[in-house]
C-alpha atoms as a PDB file:
ATOM      1  CA  MET A   1      61.563  29.480  94.916  1.00  0.00           C
ATOM      2  CA  SER A   2      64.266  30.055  92.308  1.00  0.00           C
ATOM      3  CA  GLU A   3      64.087  32.532  89.460  1.00  0.00           C
ATOM      4  CA  GLY A   4      62.063  30.992  86.646  1.00  0.00           C
ATOM      5  CA  MET A   5      59.218  28.543  86.466  1.00  0.00           C
ATOM      6  CA  SER A   6      57.741  27.035  89.614  1.00  0.00           C
ATOM      7  CA  THR A   7      56.989  23.323  89.530  1.00  0.00           C
ATOM      8  CA  THR A   8      53.905  23.636  91.751  1.00  0.00           C
ATOM      9  CA  LYS A   9      51.117  26.162  91.964  1.00  0.00           C
ATOM     10  CA  ILE A  10      51.696  28.521  94.902  1.00  0.00           C
ATOM     11  CA  SER A  11      49.153  29.873  97.335  1.00  0.00           C
ATOM     12  CA  HIS A  12      48.897  33.480  96.243  1.00  0.00           C
ATOM     13  CA  VAL A  13      47.170  36.809  96.616  1.00  0.00           C
ATOM     14  CA  LEU A  14      46.198  38.828  93.554  1.00  0.00           C
ATOM     15  CA  ILE A  15      47.276  42.490  93.407  1.00  0.00           C
ATOM     16  CA  PRO A  16      46.632  45.123  90.717  1.00  0.00           C
ATOM     17  CA  LYS A  17      49.602  46.408  88.744  1.00  0.00           C
ATOM     18  CA  SER A  18      48.482  49.883  89.824  1.00  0.00           C
ATOM     19  CA  GLY A  19      49.342  48.876  93.383  1.00  0.00           C
ATOM     20  CA  LEU A  20      53.066  48.581  92.620  1.00  0.00           C
ATOM     21  CA  ASN A  21      55.505  51.270  93.737  1.00  0.00           C
ATOM     22  CA  PHE A  22      58.264  51.574  91.135  1.00  0.00           C
ATOM     23  CA  GLU A  23      60.242  54.044  93.274  1.00  0.00           C
ATOM     24  CA  VAL A  24      61.281  51.689  96.115  1.00  0.00           C
ATOM     25  CA  PRO A  25      62.510  48.085  96.348  1.00  0.00           C
ATOM     26  CA  SER A  26      59.773  45.449  96.438  1.00  0.00           C
ATOM     27  CA  SER A  27      58.877  44.018  99.831  1.00  0.00           C
ATOM     28  CA  PHE A  28      57.861  40.708  98.234  1.00  0.00           C
ATOM     29  CA  ASP A  29      58.662  38.237  95.505  1.00  0.00           C
ATOM     30  CA  ILE A  30      56.143  39.033  92.753  1.00  0.00           C
ATOM     31  CA  PHE A  31      54.855  36.532  90.194  1.00  0.00           C
ATOM     32  CA  VAL A  32      52.871  36.447  86.966  1.00  0.00           C
ATOM     33  CA  PRO A  33      50.800  33.424  85.919  1.00  0.00           C
ATOM     34  CA  MET A  34      52.127  31.308  83.058  1.00  0.00           C
ATOM     35  CA  GLY A  35      49.618  28.585  82.288  1.00  0.00           C
ATOM     36  CA  ASP A  36      49.230  26.493  85.443  1.00  0.00           C
ATOM     37  CA  ARG A  37      52.513  27.785  86.896  1.00  0.00           C
ATOM     38  CA  PHE A  38      53.924  31.078  88.152  1.00  0.00           C
ATOM     39  CA  LEU A  39      56.964  32.983  86.972  1.00  0.00           C
ATOM     40  CA  LYS A  40      58.795  35.228  89.438  1.00  0.00           C
ATOM     41  CA  VAL A  41      59.406  38.585  87.768  1.00  0.00           C
ATOM     42  CA  ILE A  42      60.557  40.584  90.793  1.00  0.00           C
ATOM     43  CA  ALA A  43      62.538  39.313  93.792  1.00  0.00           C
ATOM     44  CA  SER A  44      62.120  40.741  97.265  1.00  0.00           C
ATOM     45  CA  GLY A  45      64.512  43.647  97.792  1.00  0.00           C
ATOM     46  CA  GLN A  46      64.839  44.455  94.091  1.00  0.00           C
ATOM     47  CA  MET A  47      63.660  47.608  92.376  1.00  0.00           C
ATOM     48  CA  ILE A  48      60.624  46.876  90.224  1.00  0.00           C
ATOM     49  CA  ASP A  49      61.442  47.044  86.524  1.00  0.00           C
ATOM     50  CA  ARG A  50      58.410  48.667  84.891  1.00  0.00           C
ATOM     51  CA  SER A  51      59.336  47.530  81.381  1.00  0.00           C
ATOM     52  CA  ARG A  52      59.776  43.942  82.528  1.00  0.00           C
ATOM     53  CA  VAL A  53      56.419  43.880  84.305  1.00  0.00           C
ATOM     54  CA  GLU A  54      54.674  45.413  81.295  1.00  0.00           C
ATOM     55  CA  ARG A  55      56.360  42.943  78.946  1.00  0.00           C
ATOM     56  CA  TYR A  56      54.914  39.995  80.874  1.00  0.00           C
ATOM     57  CA  LEU A  57      51.510  41.609  81.242  1.00  0.00           C
ATOM     58  CA  GLU A  58      51.214  43.024  77.723  1.00  0.00           C
ATOM     59  CA  LYS A  59      48.679  40.424  76.598  1.00  0.00           C
ATOM     60  CA  ARG A  60      47.485  39.297  80.001  1.00  0.00           C
ATOM     61  CA  ALA A  61      45.094  40.515  82.677  1.00  0.00           C
ATOM     62  CA  ASP A  62      46.448  43.528  84.520  1.00  0.00           C
ATOM     63  CA  VAL A  63      47.311  41.589  87.695  1.00  0.00           C
ATOM     64  CA  LEU A  64      50.283  40.158  89.574  1.00  0.00           C
ATOM     65  CA  TYR A  65      50.571  37.694  92.439  1.00  0.00           C
ATOM     66  CA  ILE A  66      52.297  37.511  95.813  1.00  0.00           C
ATOM     67  CA  GLU A  67      52.623  34.359  97.891  1.00  0.00           C
ATOM     68  CA  SER A  68      50.079  34.589 100.712  1.00  0.00           C
ATOM     69  CA  ILE A  69      52.544  33.302 103.310  1.00  0.00           C
ATOM     70  CA  ALA A  70      54.849  36.219 102.454  1.00  0.00           C
ATOM     71  CA  ILE A  71      51.935  38.646 102.871  1.00  0.00           C
ATOM     72  CA  GLU A  72      51.069  37.087 106.225  1.00  0.00           C
ATOM     73  CA  ARG A  73      54.612  37.342 107.584  1.00  0.00           C
ATOM     74  CA  PHE A  74      54.925  40.924 106.376  1.00  0.00           C
ATOM     75  CA  LEU A  75      51.629  41.934 108.012  1.00  0.00           C
ATOM     76  CA  ASP A  76      52.566  40.175 111.270  1.00  0.00           C
ATOM     77  CA  GLU A  77      55.869  42.005 111.521  1.00  0.00           C
ATOM     78  CA  LYS A  78      54.413  45.385 110.580  1.00  0.00           C
ATOM     79  CA  PHE A  79      51.525  45.103 113.027  1.00  0.00           C
ATOM     80  CA  PHE A  80      53.607  44.322 116.102  1.00  0.00           C
ATOM     81  CA  SER A  81      56.254  46.879 115.171  1.00  0.00           C
ATOM     82  CA  LEU A  82      53.636  49.637 114.890  1.00  0.00           C
ATOM     83  CA  TYR A  83      51.685  48.485 117.938  1.00  0.00           C
ATOM     84  CA  ASP A  84      54.805  48.551 120.108  1.00  0.00           C
ATOM     85  CA  SER A  85      55.860  51.987 118.853  1.00  0.00           C
ATOM     86  CA  MET A  86      52.509  53.730 119.446  1.00  0.00           C
ATOM     87  CA  SER A  87      53.036  54.276 123.153  1.00  0.00           C
ATOM     88  CA  ARG A  88      56.343  56.065 122.505  1.00  0.00           C
ATOM     89  CA  HIS A  89      54.727  58.975 120.621  1.00  0.00           C
ATOM     90  CA  LEU A  90      53.547  61.982 122.621  1.00  0.00           C
ATOM     91  CA  ASP A  91      52.022  63.674 119.587  1.00  0.00           C
ATOM     92  CA  ALA A  92      48.429  62.477 119.264  1.00  0.00           C
ATOM     93  CA  GLU A  93      48.280  62.796 115.476  1.00  0.00           C
ATOM     94  CA  VAL A  94      51.404  60.670 114.991  1.00  0.00           C
ATOM     95  CA  ARG A  95      50.125  58.098 117.467  1.00  0.00           C
ATOM     96  CA  PHE A  96      46.760  57.946 115.730  1.00  0.00           C
ATOM     97  CA  GLN A  97      48.379  57.540 112.323  1.00  0.00           C
ATOM     98  CA  GLU A  98      50.079  54.407 113.636  1.00  0.00           C
ATOM     99  CA  LEU A  99      46.870  53.210 115.323  1.00  0.00           C
ATOM    100  CA  ILE A 100      45.004  53.560 112.027  1.00  0.00           C
ATOM    101  CA  ARG A 101      47.793  51.743 110.214  1.00  0.00           C
ATOM    102  CA  CYS A 102      47.563  48.886 112.742  1.00  0.00           C
ATOM    103  CA  LEU A 103      43.842  48.697 112.103  1.00  0.00           C
ATOM    104  CA  GLU A 104      44.381  48.663 108.341  1.00  0.00           C
ATOM    105  CA  LEU A 105      46.871  45.827 108.715  1.00  0.00           C
ATOM    106  CA  CYS A 106      44.367  43.827 110.796  1.00  0.00           C
ATOM    107  CA  LEU A 107      41.641  44.234 108.177  1.00  0.00           C
ATOM    108  CA  LEU A 108      43.919  43.502 105.230  1.00  0.00           C
ATOM    109  CA  ASP A 109      45.239  40.406 107.013  1.00  0.00           C
ATOM    110  CA  LEU A 110      41.700  39.100 107.505  1.00  0.00           C
ATOM    111  CA  ARG A 111      40.699  39.964 103.962  1.00  0.00           C
ATOM    112  CA  LEU A 112      43.795  38.973 101.991  1.00  0.00           C
ATOM    113  CA  VAL A 113      45.136  36.041 103.978  1.00  0.00           C
ATOM    114  CA  ARG A 114      42.603  34.237 106.176  1.00  0.00           C
ATOM    115  CA  PHE A 115      40.239  34.411 109.122  1.00  0.00           C
ATOM    116  CA  HIS A 116      41.961  33.113 112.247  1.00  0.00           C
ATOM    117  CA  PRO A 117      41.420  33.576 116.021  1.00  0.00           C
ATOM    118  CA  ASP A 118      44.869  35.183 116.418  1.00  0.00           C
ATOM    119  CA  LYS A 119      43.946  37.844 113.876  1.00  0.00           C
ATOM    120  CA  PHE A 120      40.725  38.641 115.739  1.00  0.00           C
ATOM    121  CA  MET A 121      42.768  38.881 118.939  1.00  0.00           C
ATOM    122  CA  ARG A 122      44.921  41.584 117.360  1.00  0.00           C
ATOM    123  CA  LEU A 123      41.852  43.407 116.108  1.00  0.00           C
ATOM    124  CA  GLY A 124      40.482  43.262 119.651  1.00  0.00           C
ATOM    125  CA  MET A 125      43.694  44.812 120.982  1.00  0.00           C
ATOM    126  CA  VAL A 126      43.259  47.808 118.679  1.00  0.00           C
ATOM    127  CA  ILE A 127      39.538  48.136 119.463  1.00  0.00           C
ATOM    128  CA  GLU A 128      40.388  48.228 123.167  1.00  0.00           C
ATOM    129  CA  MET A 129      42.712  51.177 122.514  1.00  0.00           C
ATOM    130  CA  LEU A 130      40.013  52.876 120.460  1.00  0.00           C
ATOM    131  CA  PHE A 131      37.561  52.718 123.373  1.00  0.00           C
ATOM    132  CA  GLU A 132      39.898  54.857 125.493  1.00  0.00           C
ATOM    133  CA  VAL A 133      40.124  57.359 122.617  1.00  0.00           C
ATOM    134  CA  PHE A 134      36.391  57.545 121.921  1.00  0.00           C
ATOM    135  CA  LYS A 135      35.550  58.284 125.551  1.00  0.00           C
ATOM    136  CA  LYS A 136      37.204  61.708 125.125  1.00  0.00           C
ATOM    137  CA  ARG A 137      35.485  63.926 122.559  1.00  0.00           C
ATOM    138  CA  ASP A 138      38.575  65.996 121.766  1.00  0.00           C
ATOM    139  CA  MET A 139      40.640  62.846 121.199  1.00  0.00           C
ATOM    140  CA  ARG A 140      38.133  61.165 118.920  1.00  0.00           C
ATOM    141  CA  GLY A 141      37.894  64.427 116.987  1.00  0.00           C
ATOM    142  CA  ILE A 142      41.635  64.286 116.315  1.00  0.00           C
ATOM    143  CA  LEU A 143      41.360  60.595 115.376  1.00  0.00           C
ATOM    144  CA  ILE A 144      38.601  61.294 112.845  1.00  0.00           C
ATOM    145  CA  LYS A 145      40.523  64.235 111.360  1.00  0.00           C
ATOM    146  CA  VAL A 146      43.679  62.118 110.985  1.00  0.00           C
ATOM    147  CA  SER A 147      41.648  59.290 109.420  1.00  0.00           C
ATOM    148  CA  HIS A 148      39.979  61.617 106.945  1.00  0.00           C
ATOM    149  CA  GLU A 149      43.292  63.157 105.917  1.00  0.00           C
ATOM    150  CA  ASN A 150      45.359  59.974 105.635  1.00  0.00           C
ATOM    151  CA  MET A 151      43.164  57.172 104.293  1.00  0.00           C
ATOM    152  CA  GLU A 152      42.887  56.635 100.534  1.00  0.00           C
ATOM    153  CA  ASN A 153      42.351  52.903  99.988  1.00  0.00           C
ATOM    154  CA  PRO A 154      38.618  52.416  99.163  1.00  0.00           C
ATOM    155  CA  PHE A 155      38.303  49.276 101.306  1.00  0.00           C
ATOM    156  CA  THR A 156      39.981  50.475 104.491  1.00  0.00           C
ATOM    157  CA  ARG A 157      38.650  54.038 104.146  1.00  0.00           C
ATOM    158  CA  ARG A 158      35.063  52.818 103.938  1.00  0.00           C
ATOM    159  CA  SER A 159      35.558  50.294 106.735  1.00  0.00           C
ATOM    160  CA  ILE A 160      37.549  52.407 109.187  1.00  0.00           C
ATOM    161  CA  LEU A 161      36.466  55.994 108.573  1.00  0.00           C
ATOM    162  CA  GLY A 162      32.845  54.826 108.283  1.00  0.00           C
ATOM    163  CA  ALA A 163      33.137  52.980 111.598  1.00  0.00           C
ATOM    164  CA  PHE A 164      34.688  56.017 113.286  1.00  0.00           C
ATOM    165  CA  LEU A 165      32.027  58.398 111.956  1.00  0.00           C
ATOM    166  CA  GLY A 166      29.172  56.082 112.919  1.00  0.00           C
ATOM    167  CA  LEU A 167      30.508  55.405 116.426  1.00  0.00           C
ATOM    168  CA  ALA A 168      31.186  59.120 116.919  1.00  0.00           C
ATOM    169  CA  MET A 169      27.485  59.743 116.264  1.00  0.00           C
ATOM    170  CA  VAL A 170      26.666  57.070 118.857  1.00  0.00           C
ATOM    171  CA  PHE A 171      28.888  58.850 121.396  1.00  0.00           C
ATOM    172  CA  GLU A 172      27.287  62.194 120.559  1.00  0.00           C
ATOM    173  CA  GLN A 173      24.122  60.674 122.036  1.00  0.00           C
ATOM    174  CA  GLY A 174      25.857  59.325 125.127  1.00  0.00           C
ATOM    175  CA  ASP A 175      28.564  56.984 126.366  1.00  0.00           C
ATOM    176  CA  THR A 176      28.584  53.209 125.905  1.00  0.00           C
ATOM    177  CA  THR A 177      30.037  50.368 127.948  1.00  0.00           C
ATOM    178  CA  LYS A 178      33.329  48.840 126.867  1.00  0.00           C
ATOM    179  CA  ALA A 179      31.591  45.607 125.842  1.00  0.00           C
ATOM    180  CA  MET A 180      28.990  47.446 123.784  1.00  0.00           C
ATOM    181  CA  PHE A 181      31.658  49.567 122.107  1.00  0.00           C
ATOM    182  CA  SER A 182      33.689  46.476 121.203  1.00  0.00           C
ATOM    183  CA  SER A 183      30.697  44.831 119.523  1.00  0.00           C
ATOM    184  CA  LEU A 184      29.656  47.986 117.666  1.00  0.00           C
ATOM    185  CA  MET A 185      33.195  48.695 116.458  1.00  0.00           C
ATOM    186  CA  LEU A 186      33.761  45.096 115.349  1.00  0.00           C
ATOM    187  CA  GLY A 187      30.488  45.047 113.417  1.00  0.00           C
ATOM    188  CA  SER A 188      31.168  48.464 111.898  1.00  0.00           C
ATOM    189  CA  LEU A 189      34.672  47.545 110.744  1.00  0.00           C
ATOM    190  CA  LEU A 190      33.618  44.236 109.199  1.00  0.00           C
ATOM    191  CA  ARG A 191      30.184  45.220 107.904  1.00  0.00           C
ATOM    192  CA  ASP A 192      31.226  45.211 104.226  1.00  0.00           C
ATOM    193  CA  PHE A 193      33.803  42.432 104.255  1.00  0.00           C
ATOM    194  CA  GLU A 194      31.791  40.309 101.839  1.00  0.00           C
ATOM    195  CA  CYS A 195      31.102  43.013  99.244  1.00  0.00           C
ATOM    196  CA  PRO A 196      32.028  41.135  96.029  1.00  0.00           C
ATOM    197  CA  THR A 197      33.751  44.019  94.198  1.00  0.00           C
ATOM    198  CA  PHE A 198      35.074  45.938  97.187  1.00  0.00           C
ATOM    199  CA  GLY A 199      38.799  45.534  96.503  1.00  0.00           C
ATOM    200  CA  ASP A 200      39.517  47.904  93.610  1.00  0.00           C
ATOM    201  CA  SER A 201      36.267  49.823  93.484  1.00  0.00           C
ATOM    202  CA  ASP A 202      33.682  50.823  96.056  1.00  0.00           C
ATOM    203  CA  PRO A 203      30.169  49.639  95.139  1.00  0.00           C
ATOM    204  CA  HIS A 204      28.703  52.129  97.633  1.00  0.00           C
ATOM    205  CA  MET A 205      29.810  54.896  95.283  1.00  0.00           C
ATOM    206  CA  ARG A 206      27.844  53.457  92.386  1.00  0.00           C
ATOM    207  CA  GLN A 207      25.092  51.504  94.119  1.00  0.00           C
ATOM    208  CA  GLU A 208      22.367  53.164  92.065  1.00  0.00           C
ATOM    209  CA  SER A 209      23.957  51.878  88.843  1.00  0.00           C
ATOM    210  CA  LEU A 210      24.288  48.271  90.032  1.00  0.00           C
ATOM    211  CA  GLU A 211      21.820  45.862  88.485  1.00  0.00           C
ATOM    212  CA  GLY A 212      21.182  42.185  87.899  1.00  0.00           C
ATOM    213  CA  GLU A 213      23.631  39.748  89.473  1.00  0.00           C
ATOM    214  CA  ALA A 214      25.952  42.522  90.714  1.00  0.00           C
ATOM    215  CA  LEU A 215      23.126  44.164  92.677  1.00  0.00           C
ATOM    216  CA  ALA A 216      21.894  40.815  94.010  1.00  0.00           C
ATOM    217  CA  GLN A 217      25.369  39.917  95.306  1.00  0.00           C
ATOM    218  CA  PHE A 218      25.825  43.352  96.833  1.00  0.00           C
ATOM    219  CA  LYS A 219      22.570  42.985  98.768  1.00  0.00           C
ATOM    220  CA  LEU A 220      23.691  39.628 100.180  1.00  0.00           C
ATOM    221  CA  HIS A 221      26.864  40.919 101.862  1.00  0.00           C
ATOM    222  CA  PRO A 222      25.342  41.613 105.337  1.00  0.00           C
ATOM    223  CA  GLN A 223      24.103  38.017 105.691  1.00  0.00           C
ATOM    224  CA  SER A 224      27.389  36.640 104.361  1.00  0.00           C
ATOM    225  CA  ILE A 225      29.650  38.353 106.881  1.00  0.00           C
ATOM    226  CA  VAL A 226      27.303  37.660 109.795  1.00  0.00           C
ATOM    227  CA  LYS A 227      27.398  33.959 108.959  1.00  0.00           C
ATOM    228  CA  ARG A 228      31.179  34.036 108.699  1.00  0.00           C
ATOM    229  CA  LEU A 229      31.534  35.811 112.042  1.00  0.00           C
ATOM    230  CA  HIS A 230      29.226  33.291 113.697  1.00  0.00           C
ATOM    231  CA  ASP A 231      31.341  30.464 112.292  1.00  0.00           C
ATOM    232  CA  PHE A 232      34.256  31.966 114.231  1.00  0.00           C
ATOM    233  CA  LYS A 233      32.088  32.734 117.281  1.00  0.00           C
ATOM    234  CA  MET A 234      32.866  36.435 116.872  1.00  0.00           C
ATOM    235  CA  ALA A 235      29.302  37.787 116.682  1.00  0.00           C
ATOM    236  CA  ASP A 236      26.673  38.688 119.270  1.00  0.00           C
ATOM    237  CA  ASP A 237      23.256  40.358 119.039  1.00  0.00           C
ATOM    238  CA  LEU A 238      24.771  43.841 118.756  1.00  0.00           C
ATOM    239  CA  VAL A 239      27.086  42.802 115.913  1.00  0.00           C
ATOM    240  CA  ASP A 240      24.212  41.015 114.170  1.00  0.00           C
ATOM    241  CA  ASN A 241      21.856  43.975 114.418  1.00  0.00           C
ATOM    242  CA  LEU A 242      24.407  46.517 113.240  1.00  0.00           C
ATOM    243  CA  VAL A 243      25.662  44.483 110.275  1.00  0.00           C
ATOM    244  CA  MET A 244      22.268  43.209 109.166  1.00  0.00           C
ATOM    245  CA  GLN A 245      20.612  46.628 109.405  1.00  0.00           C
ATOM    246  CA  HIS A 246      23.274  49.099 108.263  1.00  0.00           C
ATOM    247  CA  HIS A 247      21.691  49.280 104.786  1.00  0.00           C
ATOM    248  CA  GLU A 248      18.139  49.654 106.079  1.00  0.00           C
ATOM    249  CA  HIS A 249      16.510  53.054 105.559  1.00  0.00           C
ATOM    250  CA  PRO A 250      13.877  54.873 107.667  1.00  0.00           C
ATOM    251  CA  SER A 251      11.520  54.935 104.673  1.00  0.00           C
ATOM    252  CA  GLY A 252      11.593  51.132 104.441  1.00  0.00           C
ATOM    253  CA  THR A 253      13.413  51.161 101.078  1.00  0.00           C
ATOM    254  CA  GLY A 254      16.646  49.606 102.357  1.00  0.00           C
ATOM    255  CA  PHE A 255      17.774  45.982 102.498  1.00  0.00           C
ATOM    256  CA  PRO A 256      17.828  43.100 103.314  1.00  0.00           C
ATOM    257  CA  ARG A 257      14.482  43.312 105.161  1.00  0.00           C
ATOM    258  CA  GLY A 258      13.083  46.740 104.248  1.00  0.00           C
ATOM    259  CA  LEU A 259      12.866  47.852 107.893  1.00  0.00           C
ATOM    260  CA  LYS A 260      11.544  51.291 108.815  1.00  0.00           C
ATOM    261  CA  ARG A 261      13.039  53.676 111.361  1.00  0.00           C
ATOM    262  CA  PHE A 262      11.247  52.337 114.453  1.00  0.00           C
ATOM    263  CA  GLU A 263      12.318  48.794 113.531  1.00  0.00           C
ATOM    264  CA  THR A 264      15.988  49.619 112.974  1.00  0.00           C
ATOM    265  CA  TYR A 265      18.788  49.561 115.549  1.00  0.00           C
ATOM    266  CA  MET A 266      19.933  53.153 116.107  1.00  0.00           C
ATOM    267  CA  PRO A 267      23.699  52.520 115.719  1.00  0.00           C
ATOM    268  CA  ALA A 268      22.942  50.841 112.376  1.00  0.00           C
ATOM    269  CA  GLN A 269      21.142  54.014 111.283  1.00  0.00           C
ATOM    270  CA  PHE A 270      24.253  56.005 112.192  1.00  0.00           C
ATOM    271  CA  ILE A 271      26.419  53.671 110.093  1.00  0.00           C
ATOM    272  CA  TRP A 272      24.023  54.261 107.161  1.00  0.00           C
ATOM    273  CA  LEU A 273      24.547  57.998 107.680  1.00  0.00           C
ATOM    274  CA  ALA A 274      28.315  57.496 107.909  1.00  0.00           C
ATOM    275  CA  ASP A 275      28.319  55.669 104.559  1.00  0.00           C
ATOM    276  CA  TRP A 276      26.245  58.450 103.033  1.00  0.00           C
ATOM    277  CA  LEU A 277      28.609  61.071 104.463  1.00  0.00           C
ATOM    278  CA  ILE A 278      31.665  59.259 103.083  1.00  0.00           C
ATOM    279  CA  ASN A 279      30.127  59.448  99.607  1.00  0.00           C
ATOM    280  CA  VAL A 280      29.706  63.196 100.119  1.00  0.00           C
ATOM    281  CA  LEU A 281      33.327  63.519 101.285  1.00  0.00           C
ATOM    282  CA  TYR A 282      34.652  61.534  98.299  1.00  0.00           C
ATOM    283  CA  ASP A 283      32.791  63.834  95.908  1.00  0.00           C
ATOM    284  CA  ALA A 284      33.877  66.978  97.752  1.00  0.00           C
ATOM    285  CA  LYS A 285      37.539  65.955  97.678  1.00  0.00           C
ATOM    286  CA  GLU A 286      37.444  65.394  93.921  1.00  0.00           C
ATOM    287  CA  LYS A 287      35.881  68.829  93.427  1.00  0.00           C
ATOM    288  CA  ALA A 288      38.032  70.575  96.087  1.00  0.00           C
ATOM    289  CA  ILE A 289      34.964  71.835  97.963  1.00  0.00           C
ATOM    290  CA  THR A 290      35.512  73.508 101.371  1.00  0.00           C
ATOM    291  CA  TYR A 291      34.046  72.017 104.531  1.00  0.00           C
ATOM    292  CA  LYS A 292      31.667  74.957 105.017  1.00  0.00           C
ATOM    293  CA  ALA A 293      30.303  74.488 101.502  1.00  0.00           C
ATOM    294  CA  ILE A 294      29.913  70.769 102.224  1.00  0.00           C
ATOM    295  CA  ALA A 295      27.992  71.544 105.403  1.00  0.00           C
ATOM    296  CA  GLU A 296      25.579  73.860 103.597  1.00  0.00           C
ATOM    297  CA  SER A 297      25.079  71.249 100.888  1.00  0.00           C
ATOM    298  CA  ILE A 298      24.406  68.529 103.474  1.00  0.00           C
ATOM    299  CA  LYS A 299      21.729  70.613 105.137  1.00  0.00           C
ATOM    300  CA  ILE A 300      19.876  70.603 101.824  1.00  0.00           C
ATOM    301  CA  SER A 301      20.724  67.169 100.449  1.00  0.00           C
ATOM    302  CA  ILE A 302      20.397  64.931 103.498  1.00  0.00           C
ATOM    303  CA  PRO A 303      17.439  62.564 102.941  1.00  0.00           C
ATOM    304  CA  VAL A 304      14.216  63.880 104.460  1.00  0.00           C
ATOM    305  CA  GLU A 305      13.865  60.778 106.641  1.00  0.00           C
ATOM    306  CA  GLN A 306      17.318  61.451 108.161  1.00  0.00           C
ATOM    307  CA  LYS A 307      16.986  65.181 108.928  1.00  0.00           C
ATOM    308  CA  LYS A 308      16.533  64.482 112.643  1.00  0.00           C
ATOM    309  CA  ALA A 309      20.112  63.239 112.666  1.00  0.00           C
ATOM    310  CA  LEU A 310      21.499  66.368 110.976  1.00  0.00           C
ATOM    311  CA  PRO A 311      23.129  67.713 114.180  1.00  0.00           C
ATOM    312  CA  PHE A 312      25.102  64.483 114.610  1.00  0.00           C
ATOM    313  CA  VAL A 313      26.168  64.461 110.958  1.00  0.00           C
ATOM    314  CA  LEU A 314      27.425  68.050 111.141  1.00  0.00           C
ATOM    315  CA  ARG A 315      29.324  67.405 114.363  1.00  0.00           C
ATOM    316  CA  VAL A 316      31.283  64.505 112.931  1.00  0.00           C
ATOM    317  CA  LEU A 317      31.802  66.409 109.682  1.00  0.00           C
ATOM    318  CA  SER A 318      33.359  69.233 111.676  1.00  0.00           C
ATOM    319  CA  GLN A 319      35.716  66.712 113.282  1.00  0.00           C
ATOM    320  CA  CYS A 320      36.879  65.572 109.834  1.00  0.00           C
ATOM    321  CA  TYR A 321      38.172  69.102 109.232  1.00  0.00           C
ATOM    322  CA  GLY A 322      39.039  70.067 112.789  1.00  0.00           C
ATOM    323  CA  GLU A 323      36.469  72.846 112.668  1.00  0.00           C
ATOM    324  CA  GLN A 324      33.338  73.686 114.599  1.00  0.00           C
ATOM    325  CA  LEU A 325      30.197  73.773 112.464  1.00  0.00           C
ATOM    326  CA  THR A 326      26.787  75.075 113.488  1.00  0.00           C
ATOM    327  CA  LEU A 327      23.223  74.451 112.423  1.00  0.00           C
ATOM    328  CA  ALA A 328      22.834  78.026 111.177  1.00  0.00           C
ATOM    329  CA  SER A 329      20.566  78.187 108.126  1.00  0.00           C
ATOM    330  CA  SER A 330      19.710  74.494 108.437  1.00  0.00           C
ATOM    331  CA  VAL A 331      16.350  73.312 107.216  1.00  0.00           C
END
């Protein structure tokens, strides 16, 4: 596409202006909408001119567009480059940083571009590597610590760190088979894919303030992703149970069915706890609270119905900080 007006509407992906990096050349051609057409304001390889972007967006919504085919090619190249390089790193933290990045690329590809069997195949390749990591407690501890320290995007942080924390609690109870792990990890990673406002903000952080149509749509997301996974023949009973029940609560106040503890799949209860713990970690990071202070707070603030799981929560919390916590002074 030449500089200037396009003659046809392009297939595109919306990005926030806040997502632009003005310090390095752009990896993509970037467009702004002009009526029913698109105007290219930045070419791939060029530095992004802040004043030019702001001039085009001055009276428009604070968004820009990238052609989806360019996103797809970029994600393809990045994934295989990182996947191939992982085995060359002896340092576990460096290797896990690349593993996490591969996983982020898989999820962003599915979310931003399209669902496709090839993309699920790549996700399966990463999940297979994760199984070998999770079998060793010291290794999964390093993985969780690296994830906690290096993930900022609300979507991938909730998806990936939440999945790691929840599956770590499962492994604290005992090992799983490879097939079971694959289903639980897939369901955990994709559990919130259909959250309607999950891109720029995390509805889990403000669930209590949601109301009306926003709350109704939020409560539909487990059914929506399960249906989508079944359409691609990517779900089984374990995936269904985890996704459909990860917002259920032992008291029966959760959704979509209001199940109580004895009716709820245990790994789904651990994912609920992982989501709750992520909210605690978000708040602690903003307030610069130490991990020991967080642990003491958790012992008091964990919901009464979840206190039996307190040892598992503290163990995975300790892995986030690379420290060993105890149940001293717990209630």
